[in-house]
PDB file of N, CA and C in Angstrom:
ATOM      1  N   UNK A   1       0.815  -1.188   0.012  1.00  0.00           N
ATOM      2  CA  UNK A   1       0.025  -0.004  -0.003  1.00  0.00           C
ATOM      3  C   UNK A   1       0.864   1.281   0.012  1.00  0.00           C
ATOM      4  N   UNK A   2       1.944   1.243   0.744  1.00  0.00           N
ATOM      5  CA  UNK A   2       2.841   2.376   0.844  1.00  0.00           C
ATOM      6  C   UNK A   2       3.487   2.719  -0.521  1.00  0.00           C
ATOM      7  N   UNK A   3       3.851   1.668  -1.265  1.00  0.00           N
ATOM      8  CA  UNK A   3       4.493   1.879  -2.563  1.00  0.00           C
ATOM      9  C   UNK A   3       3.513   2.426  -3.590  1.00  0.00           C
ATOM     10  N   UNK A   4       2.278   1.994  -3.504  1.00  0.00           N
ATOM     11  CA  UNK A   4       1.245   2.517  -4.427  1.00  0.00           C
ATOM     12  C   UNK A   4       1.079   4.006  -4.237  1.00  0.00           C
ATOM     13  N   UNK A   5       1.071   4.403  -2.991  1.00  0.00           N
ATOM     14  CA  UNK A   5       0.888   5.842  -2.684  1.00  0.00           C
ATOM     15  C   UNK A   5       2.086   6.616  -3.162  1.00  0.00           C
ATOM     16  N   UNK A   6       3.302   6.130  -2.951  1.00  0.00           N
ATOM     17  CA  UNK A   6       4.508   6.802  -3.415  1.00  0.00           C
ATOM     18  C   UNK A   6       4.511   6.885  -4.951  1.00  0.00           C
ATOM     19  N   UNK A   7       4.130   5.828  -5.604  1.00  0.00           N
ATOM     20  CA  UNK A   7       4.077   5.810  -7.055  1.00  0.00           C
ATOM     21  C   UNK A   7       3.047   6.825  -7.564  1.00  0.00           C
ATOM     22  N   UNK A   8       1.913   6.878  -6.947  1.00  0.00           N
ATOM     23  CA  UNK A   8       0.854   7.866  -7.326  1.00  0.00           C
ATOM     24  C   UNK A   8       1.375   9.275  -7.174  1.00  0.00           C
ATOM     25  N   UNK A   9       2.012   9.565  -6.041  1.00  0.00           N
ATOM     26  CA  UNK A   9       2.558  10.910  -5.803  1.00  0.00           C
ATOM     27  C   UNK A   9       3.602  11.234  -6.830  1.00  0.00           C
ATOM     28  N   UNK A  10       4.494  10.314  -7.146  1.00  0.00           N
ATOM     29  CA  UNK A  10       5.531  10.525  -8.144  1.00  0.00           C
ATOM     30  C   UNK A  10       4.931  10.777  -9.526  1.00  0.00           C
ATOM     31  N   UNK A  11       3.925  10.005  -9.900  1.00  0.00           N
ATOM     32  CA  UNK A  11       3.285  10.214 -11.192  1.00  0.00           C
ATOM     33  C   UNK A  11       2.566  11.563 -11.283  1.00  0.00           C
ATOM     34  N   UNK A  12       1.924  11.948 -10.194  1.00  0.00           N
ATOM     35  CA  UNK A  12       1.246  13.272 -10.207  1.00  0.00           C
ATOM     36  C   UNK A  12       2.282  14.396 -10.284  1.00  0.00           C
ATOM     37  N   UNK A  13       3.394  14.244  -9.596  1.00  0.00           N
ATOM     38  CA  UNK A  13       4.444  15.274  -9.621  1.00  0.00           C
ATOM     39  C   UNK A  13       5.028  15.392 -11.025  1.00  0.00           C
ATOM     40  N   UNK A  14       5.283  14.230 -11.637  1.00  0.00           N
ATOM     41  CA  UNK A  14       5.846  14.249 -13.020  1.00  0.00           C
ATOM     42  C   UNK A  14       4.847  14.850 -13.982  1.00  0.00           C
ATOM     43  N   UNK A  15       3.575  14.559 -13.821  1.00  0.00           N
ATOM     44  CA  UNK A  15       2.527  15.127 -14.687  1.00  0.00           C
ATOM     45  C   UNK A  15       2.434  16.626 -14.489  1.00  0.00           C
ATOM     46  N   UNK A  16       2.558  17.078 -13.277  1.00  0.00           N
ATOM     47  CA  UNK A  16       2.498  18.512 -13.006  1.00  0.00           C
ATOM     48  C   UNK A  16       3.653  19.253 -13.637  1.00  0.00           C
ATOM     49  N   UNK A  17       4.866  18.735 -13.451  1.00  0.00           N
ATOM     50  CA  UNK A  17       6.022  19.339 -14.047  1.00  0.00           C
ATOM     51  C   UNK A  17       5.951  19.326 -15.554  1.00  0.00           C
ATOM     52  N   UNK A  18       5.516  18.177 -16.108  1.00  0.00           N
ATOM     53  CA  UNK A  18       5.355  18.060 -17.561  1.00  0.00           C
ATOM     54  C   UNK A  18       4.311  19.022 -18.118  1.00  0.00           C
ATOM     55  N   UNK A  19       3.210  19.204 -17.367  1.00  0.00           N
ATOM     56  CA  UNK A  19       2.160  20.130 -17.800  1.00  0.00           C
ATOM     57  C   UNK A  19       2.674  21.573 -17.819  1.00  0.00           C
ATOM     58  N   UNK A  20       3.405  21.956 -16.776  1.00  0.00           N
ATOM     59  CA  UNK A  20       3.960  23.315 -16.786  1.00  0.00           C
ATOM     60  C   UNK A  20       4.948  23.502 -17.920  1.00  0.00           C
ATOM     61  N   UNK A  21       5.783  22.463 -18.151  1.00  0.00           N
ATOM     62  CA  UNK A  21       6.809  22.566 -19.261  1.00  0.00           C
ATOM     63  C   UNK A  21       6.082  22.749 -20.578  1.00  0.00           C
ATOM     64  N   UNK A  22       5.047  21.997 -20.829  1.00  0.00           N
ATOM     65  CA  UNK A  22       4.286  22.107 -22.086  1.00  0.00           C
ATOM     66  C   UNK A  22       3.651  23.491 -22.194  1.00  0.00           C
ATOM     67  N   UNK A  23       3.112  24.006 -21.071  1.00  0.00           N
ATOM     68  CA  UNK A  23       2.491  25.329 -21.098  1.00  0.00           C
ATOM     69  C   UNK A  23       3.495  26.420 -21.413  1.00  0.00           C
ATOM     70  N   UNK A  24       4.671  26.364 -20.787  1.00  0.00           N
ATOM     71  CA  UNK A  24       5.707  27.368 -21.053  1.00  0.00           C
ATOM     72  C   UNK A  24       6.203  27.279 -22.498  1.00  0.00           C
ATOM     73  N   UNK A  25       6.341  26.037 -22.990  1.00  0.00           N
ATOM     74  CA  UNK A  25       6.755  25.839 -24.360  1.00  0.00           C
ATOM     75  C   UNK A  25       5.745  26.407 -25.339  1.00  0.00           C
ATOM     76  N   UNK A  26       4.477  26.195 -25.072  1.00  0.00           N
ATOM     77  CA  UNK A  26       3.431  26.743 -25.923  1.00  0.00           C
ATOM     78  C   UNK A  26       3.434  28.261 -25.915  1.00  0.00           C
ATOM     79  N   UNK A  27       3.582  28.851 -24.721  1.00  0.00           N
ATOM     80  CA  UNK A  27       3.624  30.318 -24.626  1.00  0.00           C
ATOM     81  C   UNK A  27       4.821  30.878 -25.389  1.00  0.00           C
ATOM     82  N   UNK A  28       5.959  30.216 -25.304  1.00  0.00           N
ATOM     83  CA  UNK A  28       7.161  30.641 -26.025  1.00  0.00           C
ATOM     84  C   UNK A  28       6.935  30.599 -27.521  1.00  0.00           C
ATOM     85  N   UNK A  29       6.337  29.512 -27.977  1.00  0.00           N
ATOM     86  CA  UNK A  29       6.051  29.341 -29.411  1.00  0.00           C
ATOM     87  C   UNK A  29       5.113  30.456 -29.908  1.00  0.00           C
ATOM     88  N   UNK A  30       4.046  30.732 -29.168  1.00  0.00           N
ATOM     89  CA  UNK A  30       3.088  31.753 -29.603  1.00  0.00           C
ATOM     90  C   UNK A  30       3.714  33.159 -29.496  1.00  0.00           C
ATOM     91  N   UNK A  31       4.549  33.390 -28.518  1.00  0.00           N
ATOM     92  CA  UNK A  31       5.181  34.703 -28.420  1.00  0.00           C
ATOM     93  C   UNK A  31       6.147  34.926 -29.583  1.00  0.00           C
ATOM     94  N   UNK A  32       6.877  33.868 -29.965  1.00  0.00           N
ATOM     95  CA  UNK A  32       7.803  33.989 -31.083  1.00  0.00           C
ATOM     96  C   UNK A  32       7.024  34.309 -32.370  1.00  0.00           C
ATOM     97  N   UNK A  33       5.906  33.650 -32.608  1.00  0.00           N
ATOM     98  CA  UNK A  33       5.102  33.945 -33.776  1.00  0.00           C
ATOM     99  C   UNK A  33       4.583  35.367 -33.749  1.00  0.00           C
ATOM    100  N   UNK A  34       4.149  35.827 -32.565  1.00  0.00           N
ATOM    101  CA  UNK A  34       3.678  37.187 -32.435  1.00  0.00           C
ATOM    102  C   UNK A  34       4.766  38.184 -32.738  1.00  0.00           C
ATOM    103  N   UNK A  35       5.958  37.942 -32.250  1.00  0.00           N
ATOM    104  CA  UNK A  35       7.112  38.865 -32.510  1.00  0.00           C
ATOM    105  C   UNK A  35       7.474  38.904 -33.979  1.00  0.00           C
ATOM    106  N   UNK A  36       7.452  37.739 -34.637  1.00  0.00           N
ATOM    107  CA  UNK A  36       7.752  37.698 -36.085  1.00  0.00           C
ATOM    108  C   UNK A  36       6.727  38.492 -36.856  1.00  0.00           C
ATOM    109  N   UNK A  37       5.465  38.333 -36.472  1.00  0.00           N
ATOM    110  CA  UNK A  37       4.398  39.034 -37.178  1.00  0.00           C
ATOM    111  C   UNK A  37       4.525  40.560 -36.962  1.00  0.00           C
ATOM    112  N   UNK A  38       4.858  40.953 -35.727  1.00  0.00           N
ATOM    113  CA  UNK A  38       5.059  42.365 -35.455  1.00  0.00           C
ATOM    114  C   UNK A  38       6.234  42.924 -36.228  1.00  0.00           C
ATOM    115  N   UNK A  39       7.317  42.143 -36.361  1.00  0.00           N
ATOM    116  CA  UNK A  39       8.464  42.583 -37.122  1.00  0.00           C
ATOM    117  C   UNK A  39       8.100  42.801 -38.602  1.00  0.00           C
ATOM    118  N   UNK A  40       7.289  41.914 -39.154  1.00  0.00           N
ATOM    119  CA  UNK A  40       6.844  42.064 -40.543  1.00  0.00           C
ATOM    120  C   UNK A  40       5.998  43.323 -40.710  1.00  0.00           C
ATOM    121  N   UNK A  41       5.121  43.570 -39.728  1.00  0.00           N
ATOM    122  CA  UNK A  41       4.278  44.765 -39.794  1.00  0.00           C
ATOM    123  C   UNK A  41       5.116  46.010 -39.736  1.00  0.00           C
ATOM    124  N   UNK A  42       6.112  46.051 -38.844  1.00  0.00           N
ATOM    125  CA  UNK A  42       7.002  47.197 -38.765  1.00  0.00           C
ATOM    126  C   UNK A  42       7.772  47.409 -40.055  1.00  0.00           C
ATOM    127  N   UNK A  43       8.234  46.312 -40.648  1.00  0.00           N
ATOM    128  CA  UNK A  43       8.978  46.414 -41.901  1.00  0.00           C
ATOM    129  C   UNK A  43       8.091  46.983 -43.008  1.00  0.00           C
ATOM    130  N   UNK A  44       6.833  46.522 -43.098  1.00  0.00           N
ATOM    131  CA  UNK A  44       5.909  47.062 -44.136  1.00  0.00           C
ATOM    132  C   UNK A  44       5.630  48.546 -43.877  1.00  0.00           C
ATOM    133  N   UNK A  45       5.477  48.946 -42.625  1.00  0.00           N
ATOM    134  CA  UNK A  45       5.219  50.354 -42.315  1.00  0.00           C
ATOM    135  C   UNK A  45       6.423  51.212 -42.700  1.00  0.00           C
ATOM    136  N   UNK A  46       7.635  50.723 -42.378  1.00  0.00           N
ATOM    137  CA  UNK A  46       8.839  51.454 -42.715  1.00  0.00           C
ATOM    138  C   UNK A  46       8.958  51.627 -44.232  1.00  0.00           C
ATOM    139  N   UNK A  47       8.660  50.569 -44.976  1.00  0.00           N
ATOM    140  CA  UNK A  47       8.720  50.677 -46.444  1.00  0.00           C
ATOM    141  C   UNK A  47       7.679  51.665 -46.956  1.00  0.00           C
ATOM    142  N   UNK A  48       6.499  51.665 -46.360  1.00  0.00           N
ATOM    143  CA  UNK A  48       5.449  52.638 -46.762  1.00  0.00           C
ATOM    144  C   UNK A  48       5.895  54.076 -46.480  1.00  0.00           C
ATOM    145  N   UNK A  49       6.494  54.280 -45.308  1.00  0.00           N
ATOM    146  CA  UNK A  49       6.948  55.636 -44.964  1.00  0.00           C
ATOM    147  C   UNK A  49       8.074  56.068 -45.892  1.00  0.00           C
ATOM    148  N   UNK A  50       8.998  55.150 -46.198  1.00  0.00           N
ATOM    149  CA  UNK A  50      10.126  55.495 -47.067  1.00  0.00           C
ATOM    150  C   UNK A  50       9.598  55.842 -48.479  1.00  0.00           C
ATOM    151  N   UNK A  51       8.613  55.066 -48.961  1.00  0.00           N
ATOM    152  CA  UNK A  51       8.055  55.345 -50.275  1.00  0.00           C
ATOM    153  C   UNK A  51       7.352  56.725 -50.278  1.00  0.00           C
ATOM    154  N   UNK A  52       6.636  57.036 -49.197  1.00  0.00           N
ATOM    155  CA  UNK A  52       5.950  58.317 -49.138  1.00  0.00           C
ATOM    156  C   UNK A  52       6.956  59.444 -49.107  1.00  0.00           C
ATOM    157  N   UNK A  53       8.074  59.254 -48.351  1.00  0.00           N
ATOM    158  CA  UNK A  53       9.090  60.284 -48.310  1.00  0.00           C
ATOM    159  C   UNK A  53       9.772  60.525 -49.644  1.00  0.00           C
ATOM    160  N   UNK A  54      10.029  59.438 -50.384  1.00  0.00           N
ATOM    161  CA  UNK A  54      10.641  59.577 -51.717  1.00  0.00           C
ATOM    162  C   UNK A  54       9.705  60.291 -52.663  1.00  0.00           C
ATOM    163  N   UNK A  55       8.405  59.957 -52.610  1.00  0.00           N
ATOM    164  CA  UNK A  55       7.444  60.625 -53.473  1.00  0.00           C
ATOM    165  C   UNK A  55       7.327  62.115 -53.112  1.00  0.00           C
ATOM    166  N   UNK A  56       7.350  62.441 -51.840  1.00  0.00           N
ATOM    167  CA  UNK A  56       7.298  63.834 -51.425  1.00  0.00           C
ATOM    168  C   UNK A  56       8.518  64.606 -51.872  1.00  0.00           C
ATOM    169  N   UNK A  57       9.670  63.954 -51.776  1.00  0.00           N
ATOM    170  CA  UNK A  57      10.918  64.635 -52.204  1.00  0.00           C
ATOM    171  C   UNK A  57      10.883  64.857 -53.701  1.00  0.00           C
ATOM    172  N   UNK A  58      10.413  63.906 -54.454  1.00  0.00           N
ATOM    173  CA  UNK A  58      10.336  64.049 -55.906  1.00  0.00           C
ATOM    174  C   UNK A  58       9.370  65.173 -56.283  1.00  0.00           C
ATOM    175  N   UNK A  59       8.257  65.233 -55.606  1.00  0.00           N
ATOM    176  CA  UNK A  59       7.281  66.295 -55.899  1.00  0.00           C
ATOM    177  C   UNK A  59       7.829  67.660 -55.541  1.00  0.00           C
ATOM    178  N   UNK A  60       8.626  67.769 -54.499  1.00  0.00           N
ATOM    179  CA  UNK A  60       9.155  69.070 -54.088  1.00  0.00           C
ATOM    180  C   UNK A  60      10.247  69.526 -55.040  1.00  0.00           C
ATOM    181  N   UNK A  61      10.887  68.586 -55.737  1.00  0.00           N
ATOM    182  CA  UNK A  61      11.964  68.942 -56.655  1.00  0.00           C
ATOM    183  C   UNK A  61      11.434  69.259 -58.081  1.00  0.00           C
ATOM    184  N   UNK A  62      10.195  68.828 -58.326  1.00  0.00           N
ATOM    185  CA  UNK A  62       9.594  69.095 -59.651  1.00  0.00           C
ATOM    186  C   UNK A  62       9.166  70.548 -59.737  1.00  0.00           C
ATOM    187  N   UNK A  63       9.688  71.265 -60.698  1.00  0.00           N
ATOM    188  CA  UNK A  63       9.223  72.662 -60.880  1.00  0.00           C
ATOM    189  C   UNK A  63       7.863  72.645 -61.578  1.00  0.00           C
ATOM    190  N   UNK A  64       6.934  73.302 -60.972  1.00  0.00           N
ATOM    191  CA  UNK A  64       5.593  73.321 -61.573  1.00  0.00           C
ATOM    192  C   UNK A  64       5.199  74.700 -61.968  1.00  0.00           C
TER     193      UNK A  64
END
């Protein structure tokens, strides 16, 4: 009876640690995807701003 209880406690402890490890791994994975998406959005915005600046500079240099 004593060994069954020890085995049950050990299995529950291993399950708890494994559950937390899976949770942290999942959070890390989702955070990495979020950061990559944010980087792409920033890059698109920077390209848009650069394009707008180039067009504004060209328009200011055109004599009308």
